[in-house]
N, C-alpha and C. Protein backbone atom coordinates (compact mmCIF):
# COMPACT_ATOMS: atom_id res chain seq x y z
N UNK A 1 -31.60 -8.12 32.93
CA UNK A 1 -30.98 -8.04 31.48
C UNK A 1 -30.21 -7.15 31.37
N UNK A 2 -28.73 -7.76 30.76
CA UNK A 2 -27.62 -6.71 31.08
C UNK A 2 -27.77 -6.23 29.18
N UNK A 3 -27.61 -4.98 29.44
CA UNK A 3 -27.75 -4.05 27.77
C UNK A 3 -25.87 -4.09 27.33
N UNK A 4 -25.48 -4.44 26.13
CA UNK A 4 -24.24 -4.62 25.72
C UNK A 4 -24.16 -3.48 24.98
N UNK A 5 -23.10 -2.16 25.15
CA UNK A 5 -23.27 -1.62 24.13
C UNK A 5 -21.45 -1.61 23.67
N UNK A 6 -21.87 -1.79 22.29
CA UNK A 6 -20.62 -2.04 21.42
C UNK A 6 -20.01 -0.02 21.03
N UNK A 7 -18.51 -0.26 21.89
CA UNK A 7 -17.94 1.03 21.57
C UNK A 7 -16.52 0.73 20.72
N UNK A 8 -16.52 1.67 19.73
CA UNK A 8 -15.09 1.71 18.89
C UNK A 8 -15.65 1.90 17.34
N UNK A 9 -14.74 1.92 16.77
CA UNK A 9 -14.82 2.17 15.27
C UNK A 9 -15.29 0.83 14.33
N UNK A 10 -15.13 -0.06 14.59
CA UNK A 10 -15.93 -1.37 14.36
C UNK A 10 -14.95 -1.71 13.05
N UNK A 11 -13.66 -1.54 13.10
CA UNK A 11 -12.70 -1.93 12.27
C UNK A 11 -12.15 -3.31 11.81
N UNK A 12 -12.01 -3.85 12.86
CA UNK A 12 -11.76 -5.04 13.12
C UNK A 12 -12.10 -6.06 11.68
N UNK A 13 -13.02 -6.48 11.04
CA UNK A 13 -12.96 -7.42 10.01
C UNK A 13 -12.82 -6.83 8.52
N UNK A 14 -13.33 -5.73 8.76
CA UNK A 14 -12.76 -4.93 7.37
C UNK A 14 -11.58 -4.84 7.27
N UNK A 15 -10.84 -4.23 8.28
CA UNK A 15 -9.01 -4.26 8.03
C UNK A 15 -8.47 -5.33 8.02
N UNK A 16 -9.13 -6.20 8.76
CA UNK A 16 -8.14 -7.56 8.72
C UNK A 16 -8.38 -7.99 7.28
N UNK A 17 -9.18 -7.96 6.84
CA UNK A 17 -9.59 -8.34 5.48
C UNK A 17 -8.70 -7.49 4.65
N UNK A 18 -8.83 -6.33 4.34
CA UNK A 18 -7.80 -5.48 3.63
C UNK A 18 -6.74 -5.68 3.75
N UNK A 19 -5.98 -5.91 5.18
CA UNK A 19 -4.43 -6.49 5.26
C UNK A 19 -4.31 -7.66 4.12
N UNK A 20 -5.27 -8.68 4.06
CA UNK A 20 -5.05 -9.83 3.95
C UNK A 20 -4.97 -9.89 2.54
N UNK A 21 -5.80 -8.87 1.84
CA UNK A 21 -6.05 -8.88 0.25
C UNK A 21 -4.43 -8.08 -0.03
N UNK A 22 -4.51 -7.24 0.29
CA UNK A 22 -3.12 -6.33 -0.01
C UNK A 22 -2.09 -6.92 0.24
N UNK A 23 -1.89 -8.26 0.85
CA UNK A 23 -1.23 -8.95 1.08
C UNK A 23 -0.82 -9.47 0.16
N UNK A 24 -1.73 -10.05 -0.13
CA UNK A 24 -1.79 -11.23 -1.53
C UNK A 24 -1.71 -10.79 -2.87
N UNK A 25 -1.88 -9.31 -3.35
CA UNK A 25 -1.44 -8.61 -3.79
C UNK A 25 -0.07 -8.38 -4.01
N UNK A 26 0.38 -8.08 -2.94
CA UNK A 26 1.60 -8.01 -3.16
C UNK A 26 2.51 -9.01 -3.29
N UNK A 27 2.01 -9.89 -2.81
CA UNK A 27 2.87 -11.27 -3.15
C UNK A 27 2.76 -11.80 -4.44
N UNK A 28 1.63 -11.49 -5.10
CA UNK A 28 1.50 -12.18 -6.67
C UNK A 28 2.61 -11.09 -7.52
N UNK A 29 2.38 -9.91 -6.99
CA UNK A 29 3.11 -8.83 -7.72
C UNK A 29 4.90 -9.48 -7.61
N UNK A 30 5.14 -9.32 -6.35
CA UNK A 30 6.74 -9.96 -5.99
C UNK A 30 6.93 -11.37 -6.76
N UNK A 31 6.21 -12.21 -6.93
CA UNK A 31 6.09 -13.27 -7.68
C UNK A 31 6.27 -12.95 -9.09
N UNK A 32 5.43 -12.28 -9.86
CA UNK A 32 5.45 -11.82 -11.46
C UNK A 32 7.03 -11.36 -11.76
N UNK A 33 6.85 -10.07 -10.72
CA UNK A 33 8.46 -9.07 -10.92
C UNK A 33 9.58 -9.93 -11.11
N UNK A 34 9.63 -11.28 -10.13
CA UNK A 34 10.99 -11.76 -10.02
C UNK A 34 10.89 -12.58 -11.54
N UNK A 35 9.21 -13.29 -11.68
CA UNK A 35 9.27 -14.28 -12.87
C UNK A 35 9.82 -12.99 -14.20
N UNK A 36 9.60 -12.05 -14.01
CA UNK A 36 9.64 -10.96 -15.14
C UNK A 36 11.31 -10.70 -15.35
N UNK A 37 11.68 -10.52 -14.19
CA UNK A 37 13.49 -10.28 -14.31
C UNK A 37 14.09 -11.82 -14.75
N UNK A 38 13.73 -12.75 -14.44
CA UNK A 38 14.20 -14.03 -14.64
C UNK A 38 14.19 -14.33 -16.16
N UNK A 39 12.78 -13.79 -16.56
CA UNK A 39 12.82 -13.89 -18.26
C UNK A 39 13.62 -12.85 -18.99
N UNK A 40 14.33 -11.68 -18.70
CA UNK A 40 14.77 -10.76 -19.19
C UNK A 40 16.14 -11.68 -19.99
N UNK A 41 15.97 -11.20 -21.22
CA UNK A 41 17.47 -12.22 -21.65
C UNK A 41 18.44 -11.58 -21.35
N UNK A 42 18.75 -10.15 -20.90
CA UNK A 42 20.28 -9.63 -20.00
C UNK A 42 19.57 -8.66 -18.84
N UNK A 43 20.10 -8.40 -18.10
CA UNK A 43 19.44 -7.55 -17.01
C UNK A 43 20.67 -6.19 -17.33
N UNK A 44 20.16 -5.33 -18.40
CA UNK A 44 21.10 -4.44 -18.90
C UNK A 44 19.98 -3.14 -19.00
N UNK A 45 20.36 -2.13 -19.54
CA UNK A 45 19.72 -0.95 -19.15
C UNK A 45 18.48 -1.37 -20.61
N UNK A 46 18.69 -1.67 -21.20
CA UNK A 46 17.87 -1.77 -22.56
C UNK A 46 16.48 -2.67 -22.27
N UNK A 47 17.01 -4.00 -21.64
CA UNK A 47 15.91 -4.56 -21.16
C UNK A 47 15.12 -4.49 -19.95
N UNK A 48 15.57 -3.62 -19.27
CA UNK A 48 14.77 -2.92 -18.21
C UNK A 48 13.98 -1.84 -18.86
N UNK A 49 14.15 -0.76 -19.31
CA UNK A 49 13.50 -0.02 -20.02
C UNK A 49 12.18 -0.80 -20.69
N UNK A 50 12.73 -1.44 -21.47
CA UNK A 50 11.46 -2.08 -22.25
C UNK A 50 10.65 -3.27 -21.32
N UNK A 51 11.05 -3.84 -20.50
CA UNK A 51 10.19 -4.16 -19.28
C UNK A 51 9.07 -3.13 -19.00
N UNK A 52 9.66 -1.95 -18.38
CA UNK A 52 9.07 -0.90 -18.10
C UNK A 52 7.80 0.02 -18.69
N UNK A 53 8.17 0.02 -20.20
CA UNK A 53 7.37 0.31 -21.11
C UNK A 53 5.81 -0.69 -21.54
N UNK A 54 6.20 -1.74 -20.67
CA UNK A 54 4.67 -2.43 -20.95
C UNK A 54 3.92 -2.06 -20.21
N UNK A 55 2.38 -1.58 -20.60
CA UNK A 55 1.40 -1.27 -20.13
C UNK A 55 1.22 -1.98 -18.29
N UNK A 56 1.12 -3.64 -18.82
CA UNK A 56 0.79 -4.46 -17.60
C UNK A 56 1.72 -3.90 -16.53
N UNK A 57 2.92 -4.18 -16.70
CA UNK A 57 4.12 -3.79 -15.70
C UNK A 57 3.85 -2.28 -15.22
N UNK A 58 3.52 -1.42 -15.75
CA UNK A 58 3.09 -0.07 -15.12
C UNK A 58 1.73 -0.10 -14.29
N UNK A 59 0.89 -0.86 -14.78
CA UNK A 59 -0.57 -1.06 -14.34
C UNK A 59 -0.61 -1.86 -13.00
N UNK A 60 0.11 -3.35 -12.97
CA UNK A 60 0.53 -3.84 -11.99
C UNK A 60 1.21 -3.30 -10.95
N UNK A 61 2.55 -2.27 -11.30
CA UNK A 61 3.33 -1.70 -10.05
C UNK A 61 2.20 -1.14 -9.55
N UNK A 62 1.52 0.21 -10.18
CA UNK A 62 0.73 0.70 -9.59
C UNK A 62 -0.39 0.42 -8.82
N UNK A 63 -0.92 -0.85 -8.83
CA UNK A 63 -1.84 -1.87 -7.94
C UNK A 63 -0.78 -1.96 -6.95
N UNK A 64 0.39 -2.58 -6.84
CA UNK A 64 1.18 -3.21 -5.74
C UNK A 64 1.30 -1.84 -4.89
N UNK A 65 1.75 -0.87 -5.72
CA UNK A 65 1.84 0.65 -4.89
C UNK A 65 0.47 1.00 -3.82
N UNK A 66 -0.41 0.64 -4.63
CA UNK A 66 -1.54 1.20 -4.01
C UNK A 66 -2.17 0.26 -2.74
N UNK A 67 -1.83 -0.91 -3.16
CA UNK A 67 -2.00 -1.92 -1.97
C UNK A 67 -1.04 -1.63 -0.97
N UNK A 68 0.26 -1.40 -1.32
CA UNK A 68 1.34 -1.06 0.17
C UNK A 68 0.84 0.13 0.70
N UNK A 69 0.27 1.06 -0.14
CA UNK A 69 0.25 2.30 0.39
C UNK A 69 -1.58 2.01 1.87
N UNK A 70 -2.65 1.35 1.04
CA UNK A 70 -3.70 0.91 1.94
C UNK A 70 -3.01 -0.14 3.22
N UNK A 71 -2.03 -0.87 2.96
CA UNK A 71 -1.56 -1.98 3.94
C UNK A 71 -0.96 -1.05 5.01
N UNK A 72 -0.19 0.18 4.67
CA UNK A 72 0.65 0.93 5.22
C UNK A 72 -0.10 1.75 6.44
N UNK A 73 -1.27 2.30 5.78
CA UNK A 73 -2.01 2.90 6.30
C UNK A 73 -3.05 2.27 7.31
N UNK A 74 -3.42 1.60 7.47
CA UNK A 74 -3.62 0.66 8.30
C UNK A 74 -3.59 -0.20 9.25
N UNK A 75 -2.29 -0.08 9.34
CA UNK A 75 -1.22 -0.72 10.38
C UNK A 75 -0.65 0.28 11.02
N UNK A 76 -0.21 1.72 10.38
CA UNK A 76 0.07 2.77 11.01
C UNK A 76 -1.01 3.25 11.81
N UNK A 77 -2.46 3.20 11.17
CA UNK A 77 -3.57 3.73 12.05
C UNK A 77 -3.50 2.77 13.44
N UNK A 78 -3.42 1.57 13.02
CA UNK A 78 -3.83 0.72 14.45
C UNK A 78 -2.69 1.14 15.30
N UNK A 79 -1.21 1.03 14.59
CA UNK A 79 -0.28 1.71 16.06
C UNK A 79 -0.72 2.73 16.40
N UNK A 80 -1.24 3.72 15.89
CA UNK A 80 -1.15 5.07 16.62
C UNK A 80 -2.47 5.34 17.49
N UNK A 81 -3.56 4.35 17.10
CA UNK A 81 -4.76 3.73 17.94
C UNK A 81 -4.09 3.17 19.52
N UNK A 82 -3.51 2.69 19.32
CA UNK A 82 -3.22 1.74 20.60
C UNK A 82 -1.96 2.53 21.46
N UNK A 83 -1.57 3.13 20.66
CA UNK A 83 -0.15 3.54 21.33
C UNK A 83 0.01 5.23 22.01
N UNK A 84 -0.99 5.62 21.07
CA UNK A 84 -0.75 7.45 21.40
C UNK A 84 -2.27 7.80 21.68
N UNK A 85 -2.50 7.72 22.62
CA UNK A 85 -3.54 7.97 23.70
C UNK A 85 -4.49 9.20 23.27
N UNK A 86 -3.51 10.58 23.54
CA UNK A 86 -3.97 11.94 23.59
C UNK A 86 -4.56 12.09 21.99
N UNK A 87 -5.95 12.61 21.75
CA UNK A 87 -6.11 12.66 20.57
C UNK A 87 -5.43 14.07 19.92
N UNK A 88 -5.03 14.83 20.55
CA UNK A 88 -4.61 16.21 20.07
C UNK A 88 -3.28 15.86 19.53
N UNK A 89 -2.41 14.77 19.85
CA UNK A 89 -1.21 14.51 19.66
C UNK A 89 -1.53 13.65 17.96
N UNK A 90 -2.65 12.38 18.56
CA UNK A 90 -2.92 11.47 17.40
C UNK A 90 -3.39 11.85 16.09
N UNK A 91 -4.34 12.69 16.53
CA UNK A 91 -4.99 13.41 14.79
C UNK A 91 -3.47 14.13 13.96
N UNK A 92 -3.14 14.54 14.31
CA UNK A 92 -1.98 15.26 13.38
C UNK A 92 -1.03 13.94 13.01
N UNK A 93 -1.18 13.33 13.32
CA UNK A 93 0.15 12.26 13.28
C UNK A 93 -0.93 11.57 12.27
N UNK A 94 -2.12 11.41 11.99
CA UNK A 94 -3.04 10.68 11.46
C UNK A 94 -2.78 11.32 9.65
N UNK A 95 -2.96 12.94 10.15
CA UNK A 95 -3.01 13.87 8.81
C UNK A 95 -1.97 13.47 8.08
N UNK A 96 -0.47 13.74 8.94
CA UNK A 96 0.87 13.84 8.34
C UNK A 96 1.18 12.48 8.15
N UNK A 97 0.64 11.41 8.03
CA UNK A 97 0.54 9.96 7.59
C UNK A 97 -0.28 9.94 6.01
N UNK A 98 -1.35 10.74 6.72
CA UNK A 98 -2.34 10.59 4.97
C UNK A 98 -1.58 11.34 4.00
N UNK A 99 -0.86 12.67 4.55
CA UNK A 99 -0.31 13.33 3.29
C UNK A 99 0.71 12.76 2.82
N UNK A 100 1.65 12.00 3.40
CA UNK A 100 2.34 11.49 3.03
C UNK A 100 2.51 10.47 2.28
N UNK A 101 1.54 9.65 2.23
CA UNK A 101 0.87 8.39 1.81
C UNK A 101 0.49 8.70 0.15
N UNK A 102 -0.52 10.10 0.48
CA UNK A 102 -1.35 10.78 -0.76
C UNK A 102 0.16 11.14 -1.55
N UNK A 103 1.24 11.84 -1.20
CA UNK A 103 2.07 12.41 -2.20
C UNK A 103 3.08 11.30 -2.12
N UNK A 104 3.03 10.16 -1.98
CA UNK A 104 3.71 8.89 -2.15
C UNK A 104 3.23 8.49 -3.66
N UNK A 105 1.83 8.54 -3.44
CA UNK A 105 0.68 7.98 -4.35
C UNK A 105 0.93 8.96 -5.66
N UNK A 106 0.87 10.10 -5.37
CA UNK A 106 1.25 11.09 -6.83
C UNK A 106 2.64 10.74 -7.42
N UNK A 107 3.58 10.54 -6.69
CA UNK A 107 4.83 10.44 -7.05
C UNK A 107 4.97 9.31 -7.72
N UNK A 108 4.53 8.08 -7.26
CA UNK A 108 4.46 7.26 -7.91
C UNK A 108 3.95 6.96 -9.19
N UNK A 109 2.85 7.82 -9.10
CA UNK A 109 2.68 7.75 -10.71
C UNK A 109 3.06 8.50 -11.43
N UNK A 110 3.71 9.52 -10.98
CA UNK A 110 4.92 10.60 -11.93
C UNK A 110 5.80 9.79 -12.44
N UNK A 111 6.28 9.18 -11.54
CA UNK A 111 7.59 7.90 -12.14
C UNK A 111 7.15 7.09 -13.12
N UNK A 112 5.85 6.62 -12.97
CA UNK A 112 5.58 5.34 -14.03
C UNK A 112 4.87 5.83 -15.42
N UNK A 113 4.54 7.00 -15.30
CA UNK A 113 4.52 7.29 -16.33
C UNK A 113 5.11 8.72 -16.71
N UNK A 114 5.78 9.20 -16.29
CA UNK A 114 6.53 10.23 -16.47
C UNK A 114 6.21 11.54 -16.95
N UNK A 115 4.81 11.64 -15.96
CA UNK A 115 4.48 12.96 -15.94
C UNK A 115 5.11 14.54 -15.45
């Protein structure tokens, strides 16, 4: 009898599902954003500012950005796992990507709520 040993991080299904869910969230947001732009009476600064003062737009944008960051992390991590074999190089790249995504997230909140 052959004993099979499963090696690896077992990311497969979870990552696949996360990629699909985040892609759907980004698609729905994009369609809603285009619809909101199409529904604006004029494309001027006052209308643009009024759009961003609505809480639903800010929260939808934050959800979109978080989905984008998760989507990007999974993609970049998979690329690094596949193509960067030396762990001494891969680990600092992981840390750099995580720090960049966290900083982008904080910056996004700052932009959306003017903190």
